[in-house]
Amino acid sequence: LYFNNFKDRLANFYWTVVGFFLKLTNEYPALNEKEIQLCCMLVPGFKTEEIAAIWMNSVFSVHKYKTNVRKKINAPEGADIIAFLKEKIGLQ
């Protein structure tokens, strides 16, 4: 039972991220690969520090990517990227 529930949740997560990826790349073609990766990692709730560790990069570098994403999607300075994108491209 647990495994089936996990598989369902994993499948749902996968399609959520894939759907988000497709909408994001269609709506914001100026985003580069790293910026798209960042957005896709923010969807399931990865924290800046976790993203930095996964990328083997500094927290400062991740913050710079976030700033660049905000500029390219016309989000206000300091805005929650995912909340902004949920509103703009209809992420569930």
Protein backbone atom coordinates (compact mmCIF):
# COMPACT_ATOMS: atom_id res chain seq x y z
CA LEU A 1 0.00 0.00 0.00
CA TYR A 2 2.75 2.45 0.92
CA PHE A 3 4.66 1.76 -2.28
CA ASN A 4 1.59 2.31 -4.47
CA ASN A 5 0.85 5.58 -2.67
CA PHE A 6 4.48 6.60 -3.08
CA LYS A 7 4.40 5.74 -6.80
CA ASP A 8 1.24 7.80 -7.25
CA ARG A 9 2.76 10.75 -5.41
CA LEU A 10 5.98 10.46 -7.38
CA ALA A 11 4.08 10.32 -10.67
CA ASN A 12 2.05 13.38 -9.64
CA PHE A 13 5.24 15.22 -8.69
CA TYR A 14 6.86 14.27 -12.00
CA TRP A 15 3.95 15.55 -14.10
CA THR A 16 3.71 18.71 -12.02
CA VAL A 17 7.36 19.52 -12.70
CA VAL A 18 7.14 18.49 -16.37
CA GLY A 19 4.03 20.63 -16.86
CA PHE A 20 5.73 23.52 -15.09
CA PHE A 21 8.86 23.09 -17.20
CA LEU A 22 6.88 23.17 -20.44
CA LYS A 23 4.87 26.24 -19.42
CA LEU A 24 7.98 27.99 -18.11
CA THR A 25 10.06 27.44 -21.25
CA ASN A 26 7.18 28.49 -23.51
CA GLU A 27 6.30 31.60 -21.53
CA TYR A 28 9.86 32.71 -20.71
CA PRO A 29 12.22 31.64 -23.51
CA ALA A 30 14.91 34.07 -22.30
CA LEU A 31 15.62 31.89 -19.25
CA ASN A 32 18.81 29.90 -19.64
CA GLU A 33 19.22 26.24 -18.66
CA LYS A 34 20.53 26.96 -15.14
CA GLU A 35 17.69 29.43 -14.46
CA ILE A 36 15.15 26.84 -15.59
CA GLN A 37 16.77 24.24 -13.36
CA LEU A 38 16.55 26.67 -10.46
CA CYS A 39 12.84 27.27 -11.01
CA CYS A 40 12.15 23.54 -11.32
CA MET A 41 14.00 22.92 -8.05
CA LEU A 42 12.02 25.64 -6.30
CA VAL A 43 8.69 24.02 -7.25
CA PRO A 44 9.05 21.06 -4.85
CA GLY A 45 10.45 23.37 -2.18
CA PHE A 46 14.23 23.05 -2.38
CA LYS A 47 15.86 25.75 -0.27
CA THR A 48 18.62 28.03 -1.55
CA GLU A 49 21.22 26.21 0.57
CA GLU A 50 20.10 22.83 -0.76
CA ILE A 51 20.29 24.02 -4.36
CA ALA A 52 23.77 25.41 -3.72
CA ALA A 53 24.87 22.05 -2.31
CA ILE A 54 23.39 20.11 -5.24
CA TRP A 55 25.03 22.45 -7.73
CA MET A 56 28.26 22.46 -5.69
CA ASN A 57 28.08 26.22 -5.80
CA SER A 58 27.85 29.04 -3.28
CA VAL A 59 24.63 30.31 -1.77
CA PHE A 60 25.60 33.71 -3.18
CA SER A 61 25.63 32.25 -6.72
CA VAL A 62 22.15 30.80 -6.27
CA HIS A 63 20.93 34.18 -5.03
CA LYS A 64 22.41 35.76 -8.18
CA TYR A 65 20.51 33.25 -10.34
CA LYS A 66 17.31 34.06 -8.44
CA THR A 67 17.87 37.77 -9.07
CA ASN A 68 18.42 37.11 -12.77
CA VAL A 69 15.25 35.01 -12.96
CA ARG A 70 13.20 37.74 -11.28
CA LYS A 71 14.48 40.27 -13.81
CA LYS A 72 13.74 38.03 -16.80
CA ILE A 73 10.20 37.19 -15.64
CA ASN A 74 9.52 40.80 -14.55
CA ALA A 75 8.91 39.84 -10.94
CA PRO A 76 9.34 42.48 -8.24
CA GLU A 77 12.65 42.53 -6.38
CA GLY A 78 12.58 39.99 -3.55
CA ALA A 79 9.38 38.36 -4.84
CA ASP A 80 8.76 34.67 -4.28
CA ILE A 81 9.59 33.30 -7.73
CA ILE A 82 7.27 30.31 -7.58
CA ALA A 83 4.33 32.26 -6.16
CA PHE A 84 4.80 34.81 -8.93
CA LEU A 85 5.00 32.13 -11.62
CA LYS A 86 2.00 30.25 -10.21
CA GLU A 87 -0.03 33.39 -10.75
CA LYS A 88 1.42 34.13 -14.19
CA ILE A 89 1.48 30.69 -15.82
CA GLY A 90 -1.10 28.84 -13.75
CA LEU A 91 0.99 26.30 -11.90
CA GLN A 92 -1.15 24.16 -9.59
